[in-house]
Amino acid sequence: MAPVMQFGNVKKVKSSKGHTTLPIGSTARIAFEIDAARAGCCRVAQSLLSREPVNHAELEDCARLDEALARAHRLLKATVRGIMLSRLKRTNRARGRR
């Protein structure tokens, strides 16, 4: 006869990870999408420049949007890089204490 197992008194098992899970993968996808949006701005700018007469107002708007996307992209990448480096340093320090 098989023993009867009861699960009612089992406590929650703690995670071995010392940090919460950040959405790094989602953030990488956003960075990729920003890159794609910047490529779209370039295509639109090329199209605007090939027309006569050139619509300078639209070209300026396209440049402003591209600059804003570039700033957001740099900030996002730098922040993720900083987080990843700090995690690596913490991990290496923790391994050194063992």
C-alpha atoms as a PDB file:
ATOM      1  CA  MET A   1       0.000   0.000   0.000  1.00  0.00           C
ATOM      2  CA  ALA A   2       1.371   3.444  -0.986  1.00  0.00           C
ATOM      3  CA  PRO A   3       1.853   6.068   1.735  1.00  0.00           C
ATOM      4  CA  VAL A   4      -0.579   8.973   1.768  1.00  0.00           C
ATOM      5  CA  MET A   5       1.102  12.371   1.253  1.00  0.00           C
ATOM      6  CA  GLN A   6      -0.402  15.517   2.680  1.00  0.00           C
ATOM      7  CA  PHE A   7       0.436  18.890   1.172  1.00  0.00           C
ATOM      8  CA  GLY A   8      -1.573  21.159   3.440  1.00  0.00           C
ATOM      9  CA  ASN A   9       1.297  22.030   5.789  1.00  0.00           C
ATOM     10  CA  VAL A  10       4.004  22.600   3.157  1.00  0.00           C
ATOM     11  CA  LYS A  11       5.583  26.047   3.426  1.00  0.00           C
ATOM     12  CA  LYS A  12       6.390  28.089   0.360  1.00  0.00           C
ATOM     13  CA  VAL A  13       9.879  27.398  -0.984  1.00  0.00           C
ATOM     14  CA  LYS A  14      12.070  30.490  -1.144  1.00  0.00           C
ATOM     15  CA  SER A  15      13.726  31.413  -4.395  1.00  0.00           C
ATOM     16  CA  SER A  16      17.487  31.055  -4.491  1.00  0.00           C
ATOM     17  CA  LYS A  17      17.763  34.302  -6.444  1.00  0.00           C
ATOM     18  CA  GLY A  18      18.530  37.368  -4.415  1.00  0.00           C
ATOM     19  CA  HIS A  19      16.888  39.811  -6.799  1.00  0.00           C
ATOM     20  CA  THR A  20      13.535  40.249  -8.438  1.00  0.00           C
ATOM     21  CA  THR A  21      13.123  39.462 -12.088  1.00  0.00           C
ATOM     22  CA  LEU A  22      13.363  42.577 -14.214  1.00  0.00           C
ATOM     23  CA  PRO A  23      11.820  42.715 -17.692  1.00  0.00           C
ATOM     24  CA  ILE A  24      15.203  42.777 -19.449  1.00  0.00           C
ATOM     25  CA  GLY A  25      13.885  40.835 -22.453  1.00  0.00           C
ATOM     26  CA  SER A  26      10.969  43.225 -22.889  1.00  0.00           C
ATOM     27  CA  THR A  27      13.339  46.151 -22.598  1.00  0.00           C
ATOM     28  CA  ALA A  28      15.552  44.685 -25.314  1.00  0.00           C
ATOM     29  CA  ARG A  29      12.501  44.340 -27.573  1.00  0.00           C
ATOM     30  CA  ILE A  30      11.613  47.992 -26.949  1.00  0.00           C
ATOM     31  CA  ALA A  31      15.167  48.998 -27.877  1.00  0.00           C
ATOM     32  CA  PHE A  32      14.822  46.982 -31.096  1.00  0.00           C
ATOM     33  CA  GLU A  33      11.496  48.692 -31.845  1.00  0.00           C
ATOM     34  CA  ILE A  34      13.057  52.120 -31.257  1.00  0.00           C
ATOM     35  CA  ASP A  35      15.781  51.169 -33.725  1.00  0.00           C
ATOM     36  CA  ALA A  36      13.122  50.154 -36.263  1.00  0.00           C
ATOM     37  CA  ALA A  37      11.271  53.447 -35.734  1.00  0.00           C
ATOM     38  CA  ARG A  38      14.503  55.352 -36.362  1.00  0.00           C
ATOM     39  CA  ALA A  39      14.971  53.390 -39.603  1.00  0.00           C
ATOM     40  CA  GLY A  40      11.443  54.421 -40.558  1.00  0.00           C
ATOM     41  CA  CYS A  41      12.344  58.066 -39.948  1.00  0.00           C
ATOM     42  CA  CYS A  42      15.324  57.659 -42.289  1.00  0.00           C
ATOM     43  CA  ARG A  43      13.146  56.159 -45.017  1.00  0.00           C
ATOM     44  CA  VAL A  44      10.621  58.992 -44.698  1.00  0.00           C
ATOM     45  CA  ALA A  45      13.402  61.601 -44.784  1.00  0.00           C
ATOM     46  CA  GLN A  46      14.833  60.044 -47.966  1.00  0.00           C
ATOM     47  CA  SER A  47      11.390  60.079 -49.512  1.00  0.00           C
ATOM     48  CA  LEU A  48      10.847  63.716 -48.547  1.00  0.00           C
ATOM     49  CA  LEU A  49      14.208  64.714 -50.019  1.00  0.00           C
ATOM     50  CA  SER A  50      13.439  62.991 -53.340  1.00  0.00           C
ATOM     51  CA  ARG A  51      10.346  65.137 -53.907  1.00  0.00           C
ATOM     52  CA  GLU A  52      10.256  68.578 -55.472  1.00  0.00           C
ATOM     53  CA  PRO A  53       9.681  70.916 -53.778  1.00  0.00           C
ATOM     54  CA  VAL A  54      11.162  69.615 -50.532  1.00  0.00           C
ATOM     55  CA  ASN A  55       8.781  69.975 -47.589  1.00  0.00           C
ATOM     56  CA  HIS A  56      11.209  71.439 -45.053  1.00  0.00           C
ATOM     57  CA  ALA A  57       8.679  71.491 -42.209  1.00  0.00           C
ATOM     58  CA  GLU A  58       8.033  67.749 -42.520  1.00  0.00           C
ATOM     59  CA  LEU A  59      11.746  67.076 -42.880  1.00  0.00           C
ATOM     60  CA  GLU A  60      12.421  69.046 -39.680  1.00  0.00           C
ATOM     61  CA  ASP A  61       9.678  67.106 -37.841  1.00  0.00           C
ATOM     62  CA  CYS A  62      11.224  63.838 -39.013  1.00  0.00           C
ATOM     63  CA  ALA A  63      14.665  64.950 -37.778  1.00  0.00           C
ATOM     64  CA  ARG A  64      13.255  65.995 -34.392  1.00  0.00           C
ATOM     65  CA  LEU A  65      11.513  62.645 -33.998  1.00  0.00           C
ATOM     66  CA  ASP A  66      14.683  60.777 -34.955  1.00  0.00           C
ATOM     67  CA  GLU A  67      16.717  62.777 -32.406  1.00  0.00           C
ATOM     68  CA  ALA A  68      14.193  62.039 -29.648  1.00  0.00           C
ATOM     69  CA  LEU A  69      14.217  58.332 -30.503  1.00  0.00           C
ATOM     70  CA  ALA A  70      18.028  58.339 -30.523  1.00  0.00           C
ATOM     71  CA  ARG A  71      18.138  59.910 -27.038  1.00  0.00           C
ATOM     72  CA  ALA A  72      15.609  57.397 -25.708  1.00  0.00           C
ATOM     73  CA  HIS A  73      17.553  54.523 -27.284  1.00  0.00           C
ATOM     74  CA  ARG A  74      20.869  55.647 -25.756  1.00  0.00           C
ATOM     75  CA  LEU A  75      19.284  56.126 -22.330  1.00  0.00           C
ATOM     76  CA  LEU A  76      17.572  52.741 -22.419  1.00  0.00           C
ATOM     77  CA  LYS A  77      20.697  50.894 -23.527  1.00  0.00           C
ATOM     78  CA  ALA A  78      22.913  52.664 -20.976  1.00  0.00           C
ATOM     79  CA  THR A  79      20.487  51.941 -18.141  1.00  0.00           C
ATOM     80  CA  VAL A  80      20.186  48.243 -19.026  1.00  0.00           C
ATOM     81  CA  ARG A  81      23.969  48.007 -19.399  1.00  0.00           C
ATOM     82  CA  GLY A  82      24.433  49.579 -15.952  1.00  0.00           C
ATOM     83  CA  ILE A  83      21.949  47.204 -14.358  1.00  0.00           C
ATOM     84  CA  MET A  84      23.566  44.170 -15.939  1.00  0.00           C
ATOM     85  CA  LEU A  85      27.074  45.274 -14.892  1.00  0.00           C
ATOM     86  CA  SER A  86      25.987  45.936 -11.309  1.00  0.00           C
ATOM     87  CA  ARG A  87      24.377  42.497 -11.154  1.00  0.00           C
ATOM     88  CA  LEU A  88      27.553  40.885 -12.451  1.00  0.00           C
ATOM     89  CA  LYS A  89      29.626  42.734  -9.854  1.00  0.00           C
ATOM     90  CA  ARG A  90      27.268  41.686  -7.052  1.00  0.00           C
ATOM     91  CA  THR A  91      27.379  38.088  -8.247  1.00  0.00           C
ATOM     92  CA  ASN A  92      31.171  38.113  -8.423  1.00  0.00           C
ATOM     93  CA  ARG A  93      31.454  39.631  -4.924  1.00  0.00           C
ATOM     94  CA  ALA A  94      29.047  37.028  -3.551  1.00  0.00           C
ATOM     95  CA  ARG A  95      31.079  34.225  -5.122  1.00  0.00           C
ATOM     96  CA  GLY A  96      34.245  35.658  -3.594  1.00  0.00           C
ATOM     97  CA  ARG A  97      32.760  35.410  -0.094  1.00  0.00           C
ATOM     98  CA  ARG A  98      32.062  31.696  -0.369  1.00  0.00           C
END
